[in-house]
């Protein structure tokens, strides 16, 4: 099956059969990209990529490992590529509220390539949301998702609760 054209997706968006159409076209997942330009909130970063309306990767230009109220799966521009676990304490006096966040560090070149890829995809899809992976499967962002971010055990565990209507 060839990937659906973006005009086909736009024509079906908002219709009741859109989820079935996307599910029939996707290989492994669908995704949405949200740009947060000008919104300096700790949990958003500059972009959010959401997989199957369940797992969100927030992309940050700065180190957020010490931020409180950090959402799971931040992707950070860093000096080296590694994945670390960060313990977050949202309430300084209450260690029982602590939680662990998997933080993906990407070297500048890899991070910038992912950001450019998101910008290019957004330039093509505009306001279209919930895009099957097959439409952009060779894009650097999707390669990063498939090869580095989504294989992580914490992401796999979170994906066990993926959008049921898409994956049933």
N, C-alpha and C. Protein backbone atom coordinates (compact mmCIF):
# COMPACT_ATOMS: atom_id res chain seq x y z
N UNK A 1 0.84 -1.18 0.00
CA UNK A 1 0.00 0.00 0.00
C UNK A 1 0.88 1.24 0.00
N UNK A 2 0.56 2.17 -0.84
CA UNK A 2 1.33 3.41 -0.88
C UNK A 2 0.80 4.36 0.20
N UNK A 3 1.66 5.24 0.68
CA UNK A 3 1.22 6.18 1.72
C UNK A 3 0.08 7.06 1.22
N UNK A 4 -0.85 7.40 2.10
CA UNK A 4 -1.90 8.33 1.68
C UNK A 4 -1.30 9.70 1.39
N UNK A 5 -1.86 10.37 0.44
CA UNK A 5 -1.42 11.73 0.14
C UNK A 5 -1.97 12.66 1.22
N UNK A 6 -1.28 13.76 1.44
CA UNK A 6 -1.72 14.71 2.45
C UNK A 6 -3.09 15.29 2.13
N UNK A 7 -3.39 15.46 0.85
CA UNK A 7 -4.72 15.96 0.50
C UNK A 7 -5.80 14.94 0.85
N UNK A 8 -5.48 13.64 0.77
CA UNK A 8 -6.43 12.61 1.21
C UNK A 8 -6.67 12.71 2.72
N UNK A 9 -5.60 12.90 3.47
CA UNK A 9 -5.73 13.04 4.91
C UNK A 9 -6.57 14.27 5.26
N UNK A 10 -6.28 15.38 4.59
CA UNK A 10 -7.05 16.61 4.86
C UNK A 10 -8.53 16.42 4.54
N UNK A 11 -8.82 15.72 3.45
CA UNK A 11 -10.21 15.50 3.05
C UNK A 11 -10.98 14.66 4.07
N UNK A 12 -10.27 13.76 4.74
CA UNK A 12 -10.93 12.87 5.71
C UNK A 12 -10.87 13.40 7.15
N UNK A 13 -9.97 14.32 7.41
CA UNK A 13 -9.81 14.84 8.79
C UNK A 13 -11.16 15.35 9.31
N UNK A 14 -11.46 14.99 10.53
CA UNK A 14 -12.70 15.43 11.15
C UNK A 14 -13.88 14.53 10.86
N UNK A 15 -13.72 13.60 9.92
CA UNK A 15 -14.81 12.67 9.62
C UNK A 15 -14.72 11.46 10.56
N UNK A 16 -15.82 10.82 10.82
CA UNK A 16 -15.82 9.66 11.74
C UNK A 16 -14.90 8.52 11.29
N UNK A 17 -14.65 8.38 9.98
CA UNK A 17 -13.82 7.28 9.51
C UNK A 17 -12.32 7.61 9.50
N UNK A 18 -11.95 8.83 9.92
CA UNK A 18 -10.53 9.23 9.89
C UNK A 18 -9.64 8.29 10.72
N UNK A 19 -10.01 7.95 11.97
CA UNK A 19 -9.14 7.02 12.73
C UNK A 19 -8.94 5.68 12.02
N UNK A 20 -9.98 5.14 11.43
CA UNK A 20 -9.84 3.87 10.70
C UNK A 20 -8.94 4.03 9.49
N UNK A 21 -9.08 5.16 8.79
CA UNK A 21 -8.25 5.43 7.63
C UNK A 21 -6.78 5.52 8.02
N UNK A 22 -6.49 6.26 9.10
CA UNK A 22 -5.10 6.40 9.56
C UNK A 22 -4.57 5.05 10.03
N UNK A 23 -5.37 4.32 10.78
CA UNK A 23 -4.93 3.01 11.27
C UNK A 23 -4.61 2.07 10.12
N UNK A 24 -5.40 2.11 9.07
CA UNK A 24 -5.14 1.22 7.93
C UNK A 24 -3.88 1.63 7.18
N UNK A 25 -3.49 2.89 7.28
CA UNK A 25 -2.31 3.38 6.55
C UNK A 25 -1.02 3.28 7.36
N UNK A 26 -1.10 3.38 8.68
CA UNK A 26 0.12 3.44 9.48
C UNK A 26 0.82 2.08 9.54
N UNK A 27 2.14 2.14 9.69
CA UNK A 27 2.90 0.90 9.88
C UNK A 27 2.93 0.51 11.34
N UNK A 28 3.34 1.48 12.20
CA UNK A 28 3.48 1.20 13.63
C UNK A 28 2.76 2.22 14.51
N UNK A 29 2.66 3.45 14.04
CA UNK A 29 2.09 4.49 14.89
C UNK A 29 1.63 5.67 14.05
N UNK A 30 0.87 6.53 14.67
CA UNK A 30 0.54 7.82 14.09
C UNK A 30 1.17 8.87 15.01
N UNK A 31 1.30 10.08 14.52
CA UNK A 31 1.95 11.10 15.33
C UNK A 31 1.35 12.47 15.07
N UNK A 32 1.58 13.35 16.02
CA UNK A 32 1.19 14.75 15.94
C UNK A 32 2.38 15.57 16.39
N UNK A 33 2.63 16.67 15.72
CA UNK A 33 3.69 17.60 16.12
C UNK A 33 3.04 18.91 16.52
N UNK A 34 3.41 19.41 17.69
CA UNK A 34 2.96 20.73 18.14
C UNK A 34 4.18 21.61 18.38
N UNK A 35 4.18 22.77 17.75
CA UNK A 35 5.25 23.75 17.96
C UNK A 35 4.83 24.67 19.09
N UNK A 36 5.78 24.99 19.96
CA UNK A 36 5.49 25.86 21.11
C UNK A 36 6.35 27.11 21.07
N UNK A 37 6.50 27.70 19.91
CA UNK A 37 7.33 28.89 19.78
C UNK A 37 6.78 30.00 20.67
N UNK A 38 7.65 30.58 21.47
CA UNK A 38 7.26 31.68 22.33
C UNK A 38 6.60 31.26 23.64
N UNK A 39 6.48 29.97 23.86
CA UNK A 39 5.88 29.49 25.11
C UNK A 39 6.98 28.86 25.94
N UNK A 40 7.53 29.61 26.86
CA UNK A 40 8.62 29.11 27.67
C UNK A 40 8.07 28.43 28.93
N UNK A 41 7.52 27.23 28.73
CA UNK A 41 7.01 26.45 29.85
C UNK A 41 7.88 25.22 30.00
N UNK A 42 8.17 24.87 31.21
CA UNK A 42 9.12 23.80 31.46
C UNK A 42 8.67 22.47 30.86
N UNK A 43 7.38 22.22 30.81
CA UNK A 43 6.94 20.90 30.36
C UNK A 43 6.70 20.82 28.86
N UNK A 44 6.80 21.92 28.13
CA UNK A 44 6.57 21.88 26.69
C UNK A 44 7.84 21.82 25.87
N UNK A 45 8.83 22.64 26.20
CA UNK A 45 9.97 22.75 25.32
C UNK A 45 9.58 23.50 24.06
N UNK A 46 10.33 23.29 22.97
CA UNK A 46 10.03 24.00 21.73
C UNK A 46 9.07 23.23 20.83
N UNK A 47 9.05 21.91 20.95
CA UNK A 47 8.14 21.06 20.18
C UNK A 47 7.70 19.90 21.05
N UNK A 48 6.50 19.39 20.77
CA UNK A 48 6.04 18.14 21.35
C UNK A 48 5.63 17.23 20.21
N UNK A 49 6.14 16.02 20.25
CA UNK A 49 5.73 14.99 19.29
C UNK A 49 4.97 13.94 20.10
N UNK A 50 3.73 13.72 19.72
CA UNK A 50 2.89 12.77 20.43
C UNK A 50 2.65 11.56 19.54
N UNK A 51 2.87 10.39 20.12
CA UNK A 51 2.69 9.12 19.42
C UNK A 51 1.38 8.49 19.87
N UNK A 52 0.52 8.17 18.92
CA UNK A 52 -0.77 7.52 19.20
C UNK A 52 -1.55 8.18 20.33
N UNK A 53 -1.44 9.48 20.40
CA UNK A 53 -2.15 10.26 21.43
C UNK A 53 -1.86 9.77 22.84
N UNK A 54 -0.71 9.14 23.03
CA UNK A 54 -0.38 8.56 24.32
C UNK A 54 0.98 8.99 24.84
N UNK A 55 2.01 8.81 24.07
CA UNK A 55 3.37 9.09 24.50
C UNK A 55 3.83 10.42 23.89
N UNK A 56 4.28 11.33 24.75
CA UNK A 56 4.73 12.64 24.28
C UNK A 56 6.21 12.83 24.53
N UNK A 57 6.91 13.24 23.49
CA UNK A 57 8.32 13.61 23.59
C UNK A 57 8.39 15.13 23.47
N UNK A 58 8.90 15.78 24.52
CA UNK A 58 9.03 17.24 24.54
C UNK A 58 10.48 17.60 24.27
N UNK A 59 10.73 18.44 23.28
CA UNK A 59 12.08 18.80 22.85
C UNK A 59 12.49 20.12 23.46
N UNK A 60 13.65 20.11 24.13
CA UNK A 60 14.16 21.28 24.85
C UNK A 60 15.54 21.68 24.32
N UNK A 61 15.75 22.97 24.21
CA UNK A 61 17.05 23.52 23.80
C UNK A 61 18.03 23.57 24.96
N UNK A 62 17.56 23.35 26.16
CA UNK A 62 18.40 23.52 27.36
C UNK A 62 18.29 22.28 28.25
N UNK A 63 19.21 22.18 29.17
CA UNK A 63 19.18 21.09 30.15
C UNK A 63 18.01 21.30 31.10
N UNK A 64 17.16 20.31 31.21
CA UNK A 64 15.99 20.41 32.10
C UNK A 64 16.05 19.38 33.22
N UNK A 65 17.18 18.73 33.37
CA UNK A 65 17.29 17.63 34.34
C UNK A 65 17.02 18.07 35.77
N UNK A 66 17.17 19.36 36.09
CA UNK A 66 16.92 19.83 37.44
C UNK A 66 15.56 20.49 37.62
N UNK A 67 14.75 20.51 36.58
CA UNK A 67 13.45 21.18 36.66
C UNK A 67 12.45 20.33 37.43
N UNK A 68 11.63 20.99 38.22
CA UNK A 68 10.55 20.26 38.89
C UNK A 68 9.34 20.25 37.97
N UNK A 69 8.44 19.31 38.17
CA UNK A 69 7.23 19.14 37.36
C UNK A 69 7.55 18.78 35.91
N UNK A 70 8.67 18.13 35.69
CA UNK A 70 9.08 17.73 34.35
C UNK A 70 8.23 16.55 33.89
N UNK A 71 7.72 16.63 32.67
CA UNK A 71 6.93 15.54 32.10
C UNK A 71 7.87 14.41 31.65
N UNK A 72 7.30 13.24 31.45
CA UNK A 72 8.11 12.11 30.99
C UNK A 72 8.61 12.34 29.57
N UNK A 73 9.71 11.74 29.26
CA UNK A 73 10.33 11.70 27.94
C UNK A 73 10.75 13.04 27.35
N UNK A 74 11.47 13.87 28.10
CA UNK A 74 12.05 15.06 27.48
C UNK A 74 13.21 14.66 26.58
N UNK A 75 13.37 15.40 25.50
CA UNK A 75 14.48 15.23 24.57
C UNK A 75 15.25 16.53 24.60
N UNK A 76 16.55 16.45 24.96
CA UNK A 76 17.32 17.64 25.27
C UNK A 76 18.54 17.75 24.37
N UNK A 77 18.79 18.95 23.90
CA UNK A 77 20.02 19.25 23.16
C UNK A 77 21.17 19.24 24.16
N UNK A 78 22.20 18.44 23.89
CA UNK A 78 23.27 18.26 24.87
C UNK A 78 24.62 18.12 24.17
N UNK A 79 25.66 17.96 24.99
CA UNK A 79 27.01 17.78 24.47
C UNK A 79 27.27 16.35 24.02
N UNK A 80 26.46 15.42 24.51
CA UNK A 80 26.64 14.02 24.12
C UNK A 80 25.28 13.34 24.08
N UNK A 81 25.24 12.23 23.37
CA UNK A 81 23.99 11.47 23.27
C UNK A 81 24.00 10.35 24.28
N UNK A 82 23.04 10.42 25.17
CA UNK A 82 22.83 9.33 26.13
C UNK A 82 21.43 9.46 26.70
N UNK A 83 20.98 8.39 27.29
CA UNK A 83 19.67 8.38 27.92
C UNK A 83 19.88 8.18 29.40
N UNK A 84 19.28 9.05 30.20
CA UNK A 84 19.46 8.98 31.64
C UNK A 84 18.10 9.01 32.33
N UNK A 85 18.09 8.57 33.56
CA UNK A 85 16.90 8.68 34.38
C UNK A 85 17.11 9.81 35.37
N UNK A 86 16.11 10.66 35.51
CA UNK A 86 16.18 11.80 36.39
C UNK A 86 15.06 11.68 37.41
N UNK A 87 15.39 11.83 38.67
CA UNK A 87 14.37 11.82 39.72
C UNK A 87 13.87 13.25 39.88
N UNK A 88 12.57 13.42 39.78
CA UNK A 88 11.95 14.74 39.89
C UNK A 88 11.24 14.82 41.23
N UNK A 89 11.47 15.93 41.93
CA UNK A 89 10.80 16.17 43.21
C UNK A 89 9.97 17.44 43.07
N UNK A 90 8.68 17.28 42.72
CA UNK A 90 7.85 18.46 42.49
C UNK A 90 7.55 19.26 43.75
N UNK A 91 7.62 18.59 44.91
CA UNK A 91 7.39 19.27 46.19
C UNK A 91 8.63 19.06 47.05
N UNK A 92 9.43 20.09 47.24
CA UNK A 92 10.72 19.95 47.93
C UNK A 92 10.65 19.27 49.29
N UNK A 93 9.55 19.42 49.99
CA UNK A 93 9.44 18.84 51.34
C UNK A 93 8.73 17.49 51.35
N UNK A 94 8.41 16.94 50.19
CA UNK A 94 7.65 15.69 50.14
C UNK A 94 8.31 14.68 49.19
N UNK A 95 9.25 13.88 49.72
CA UNK A 95 9.92 12.90 48.86
C UNK A 95 8.99 11.80 48.35
N UNK A 96 7.82 11.64 48.95
CA UNK A 96 6.89 10.62 48.46
C UNK A 96 6.26 11.01 47.13
N UNK A 97 6.37 12.26 46.75
CA UNK A 97 5.82 12.72 45.47
C UNK A 97 6.83 12.57 44.32
N UNK A 98 8.04 12.11 44.62
CA UNK A 98 9.07 11.94 43.60
C UNK A 98 8.61 10.99 42.49
N UNK A 99 9.10 11.25 41.28
CA UNK A 99 8.89 10.32 40.18
C UNK A 99 10.12 10.36 39.28
N UNK A 100 10.27 9.33 38.46
CA UNK A 100 11.44 9.20 37.59
C UNK A 100 11.03 9.52 36.16
N UNK A 101 11.87 10.29 35.49
CA UNK A 101 11.67 10.68 34.11
C UNK A 101 12.83 10.15 33.28
N UNK A 102 12.51 9.55 32.14
CA UNK A 102 13.54 9.13 31.19
C UNK A 102 13.86 10.32 30.30
N UNK A 103 15.11 10.77 30.33
CA UNK A 103 15.54 11.96 29.60
C UNK A 103 16.50 11.54 28.49
N UNK A 104 16.16 11.90 27.27
CA UNK A 104 16.99 11.57 26.10
C UNK A 104 17.84 12.78 25.75
N UNK A 105 19.16 12.61 25.82
CA UNK A 105 20.07 13.68 25.42
C UNK A 105 20.54 13.40 24.00
N UNK A 106 20.48 14.42 23.16
CA UNK A 106 20.94 14.31 21.78
C UNK A 106 22.04 15.33 21.54
N UNK A 107 23.08 14.91 20.82
CA UNK A 107 24.11 15.86 20.44
C UNK A 107 23.50 16.92 19.53
N UNK A 108 24.12 18.09 19.53
CA UNK A 108 23.61 19.25 18.79
C UNK A 108 23.20 18.91 17.37
N UNK A 109 24.05 18.23 16.63
CA UNK A 109 23.78 17.93 15.23
C UNK A 109 22.52 17.06 15.08
N UNK A 110 22.40 16.04 15.91
CA UNK A 110 21.25 15.14 15.86
C UNK A 110 19.98 15.87 16.29
N UNK A 111 20.08 16.67 17.34
CA UNK A 111 18.94 17.46 17.83
C UNK A 111 18.47 18.44 16.76
N UNK A 112 19.40 19.18 16.18
CA UNK A 112 19.04 20.17 15.16
C UNK A 112 18.41 19.50 13.93
N UNK A 113 18.90 18.33 13.57
CA UNK A 113 18.32 17.58 12.44
C UNK A 113 16.86 17.22 12.75
N UNK A 114 16.58 16.80 13.97
CA UNK A 114 15.21 16.46 14.37
C UNK A 114 14.31 17.70 14.33
N UNK A 115 14.81 18.83 14.81
CA UNK A 115 14.03 20.07 14.81
C UNK A 115 13.72 20.50 13.38
N UNK A 116 14.73 20.48 12.51
CA UNK A 116 14.50 20.83 11.09
C UNK A 116 13.46 19.90 10.46
N UNK A 117 13.54 18.63 10.80
CA UNK A 117 12.60 17.66 10.27
C UNK A 117 11.17 17.98 10.72
N UNK A 118 11.01 18.33 12.00
CA UNK A 118 9.68 18.71 12.50
C UNK A 118 9.16 19.94 11.76
N UNK A 119 10.03 20.93 11.58
CA UNK A 119 9.62 22.14 10.89
C UNK A 119 9.21 21.85 9.44
N UNK A 120 9.95 20.97 8.77
CA UNK A 120 9.62 20.59 7.39
C UNK A 120 8.29 19.85 7.33
N UNK A 121 8.08 18.93 8.26
CA UNK A 121 6.82 18.18 8.28
C UNK A 121 5.66 19.13 8.55
N UNK A 122 5.81 20.01 9.54
CA UNK A 122 4.75 20.97 9.84
C UNK A 122 4.47 21.89 8.64
N UNK A 123 5.51 22.23 7.91
CA UNK A 123 5.33 23.06 6.71
C UNK A 123 4.48 22.36 5.66
N UNK A 124 4.52 21.05 5.65
CA UNK A 124 3.73 20.29 4.67
C UNK A 124 2.33 19.96 5.17
N UNK A 125 2.20 19.68 6.47
CA UNK A 125 0.90 19.23 6.97
C UNK A 125 0.04 20.35 7.54
N UNK A 126 0.66 21.47 7.90
CA UNK A 126 -0.10 22.58 8.47
C UNK A 126 -0.80 22.16 9.75
N UNK A 127 -2.10 22.37 9.80
CA UNK A 127 -2.88 22.05 10.99
C UNK A 127 -3.34 20.59 11.05
N UNK A 128 -3.00 19.80 10.07
CA UNK A 128 -3.39 18.40 10.05
C UNK A 128 -2.76 17.68 11.23
N UNK A 129 -3.57 16.94 11.94
CA UNK A 129 -3.08 16.21 13.11
C UNK A 129 -3.26 14.72 12.87
N UNK A 130 -2.62 13.92 13.69
CA UNK A 130 -2.74 12.47 13.64
C UNK A 130 -2.38 11.97 12.25
N UNK A 131 -1.09 11.91 12.00
CA UNK A 131 -0.54 11.55 10.70
C UNK A 131 0.05 10.14 10.78
N UNK A 132 -0.25 9.27 9.83
CA UNK A 132 0.35 7.94 9.86
C UNK A 132 1.85 8.02 9.59
N UNK A 133 2.61 7.20 10.30
CA UNK A 133 4.07 7.21 10.18
C UNK A 133 4.55 6.99 8.76
N UNK A 134 3.81 6.23 7.98
CA UNK A 134 4.23 5.90 6.62
C UNK A 134 4.34 7.12 5.72
N UNK A 135 3.65 8.20 6.05
CA UNK A 135 3.69 9.41 5.23
C UNK A 135 5.06 10.09 5.25
N UNK A 136 5.81 9.90 6.32
CA UNK A 136 7.11 10.56 6.47
C UNK A 136 8.16 9.58 7.01
N UNK A 137 8.08 8.32 6.66
CA UNK A 137 8.89 7.30 7.32
C UNK A 137 10.40 7.50 7.17
N UNK A 138 10.86 8.19 6.15
CA UNK A 138 12.29 8.42 5.99
C UNK A 138 12.76 9.75 6.57
N UNK A 139 11.84 10.54 7.11
CA UNK A 139 12.19 11.83 7.69
C UNK A 139 13.08 11.60 8.91
N UNK A 140 14.09 12.45 9.12
CA UNK A 140 14.98 12.27 10.28
C UNK A 140 14.24 12.15 11.61
N UNK A 141 13.14 12.87 11.77
CA UNK A 141 12.38 12.76 13.02
C UNK A 141 11.87 11.34 13.21
N UNK A 142 11.30 10.75 12.19
CA UNK A 142 10.75 9.40 12.33
C UNK A 142 11.84 8.35 12.50
N UNK A 143 12.97 8.57 11.87
CA UNK A 143 14.11 7.67 12.08
C UNK A 143 14.55 7.74 13.55
N UNK A 144 14.64 8.95 14.09
CA UNK A 144 15.00 9.13 15.50
C UNK A 144 13.98 8.44 16.40
N UNK A 145 12.71 8.63 16.13
CA UNK A 145 11.67 7.99 16.94
C UNK A 145 11.80 6.48 16.90
N UNK A 146 11.87 5.92 15.69
CA UNK A 146 11.91 4.45 15.54
C UNK A 146 13.19 3.82 16.08
N UNK A 147 14.33 4.47 15.84
CA UNK A 147 15.61 3.83 16.16
C UNK A 147 16.14 4.16 17.54
N UNK A 148 15.77 5.28 18.10
CA UNK A 148 16.37 5.68 19.37
C UNK A 148 15.37 5.86 20.51
N UNK A 149 14.29 6.59 20.26
CA UNK A 149 13.40 6.94 21.36
C UNK A 149 12.39 5.83 21.68
N UNK A 150 11.71 5.33 20.70
CA UNK A 150 10.65 4.37 20.96
C UNK A 150 11.13 2.99 21.41
N UNK A 151 12.33 2.55 21.07
CA UNK A 151 12.79 1.25 21.57
C UNK A 151 13.14 1.23 23.07
N UNK A 152 13.24 2.40 23.69
CA UNK A 152 13.60 2.42 25.11
C UNK A 152 12.53 1.68 25.93
N UNK A 153 12.95 0.88 26.92
CA UNK A 153 11.99 0.10 27.72
C UNK A 153 10.89 0.94 28.39
N UNK A 154 11.22 2.13 28.85
CA UNK A 154 10.21 2.98 29.50
C UNK A 154 9.16 3.43 28.49
N UNK A 155 9.58 3.71 27.27
CA UNK A 155 8.63 4.12 26.23
C UNK A 155 7.78 2.91 25.82
N UNK A 156 8.43 1.76 25.68
CA UNK A 156 7.67 0.55 25.33
C UNK A 156 6.60 0.26 26.39
N UNK A 157 6.95 0.42 27.64
CA UNK A 157 5.99 0.18 28.72
C UNK A 157 4.82 1.17 28.64
N UNK A 158 5.14 2.42 28.34
CA UNK A 158 4.09 3.43 28.21
C UNK A 158 3.20 3.15 27.00
N UNK A 159 3.82 2.64 25.94
CA UNK A 159 3.05 2.34 24.72
C UNK A 159 2.13 1.15 24.91
N UNK A 160 2.29 0.39 25.97
CA UNK A 160 1.37 -0.71 26.23
C UNK A 160 -0.05 -0.18 26.42
N UNK A 161 -0.17 1.09 26.77
CA UNK A 161 -1.48 1.73 26.95
C UNK A 161 -1.83 2.62 25.76
N UNK A 162 -1.22 2.35 24.60
CA UNK A 162 -1.47 3.16 23.42
C UNK A 162 -2.95 3.27 23.11
N UNK A 163 -3.24 4.28 22.38
CA UNK A 163 -4.58 4.61 21.97
C UNK A 163 -5.34 3.36 21.53
N UNK A 164 -6.18 2.79 22.38
CA UNK A 164 -6.80 1.50 22.10
C UNK A 164 -7.59 1.47 20.79
N UNK A 165 -8.31 2.51 20.46
CA UNK A 165 -9.13 2.44 19.25
C UNK A 165 -8.26 2.36 17.99
N UNK A 166 -7.01 2.78 18.07
CA UNK A 166 -6.13 2.68 16.91
C UNK A 166 -5.44 1.34 16.84
N UNK A 167 -5.19 0.73 17.98
CA UNK A 167 -4.33 -0.44 17.99
C UNK A 167 -5.07 -1.74 18.26
N UNK A 168 -6.38 -1.70 18.40
CA UNK A 168 -7.15 -2.90 18.68
C UNK A 168 -7.24 -3.79 17.45
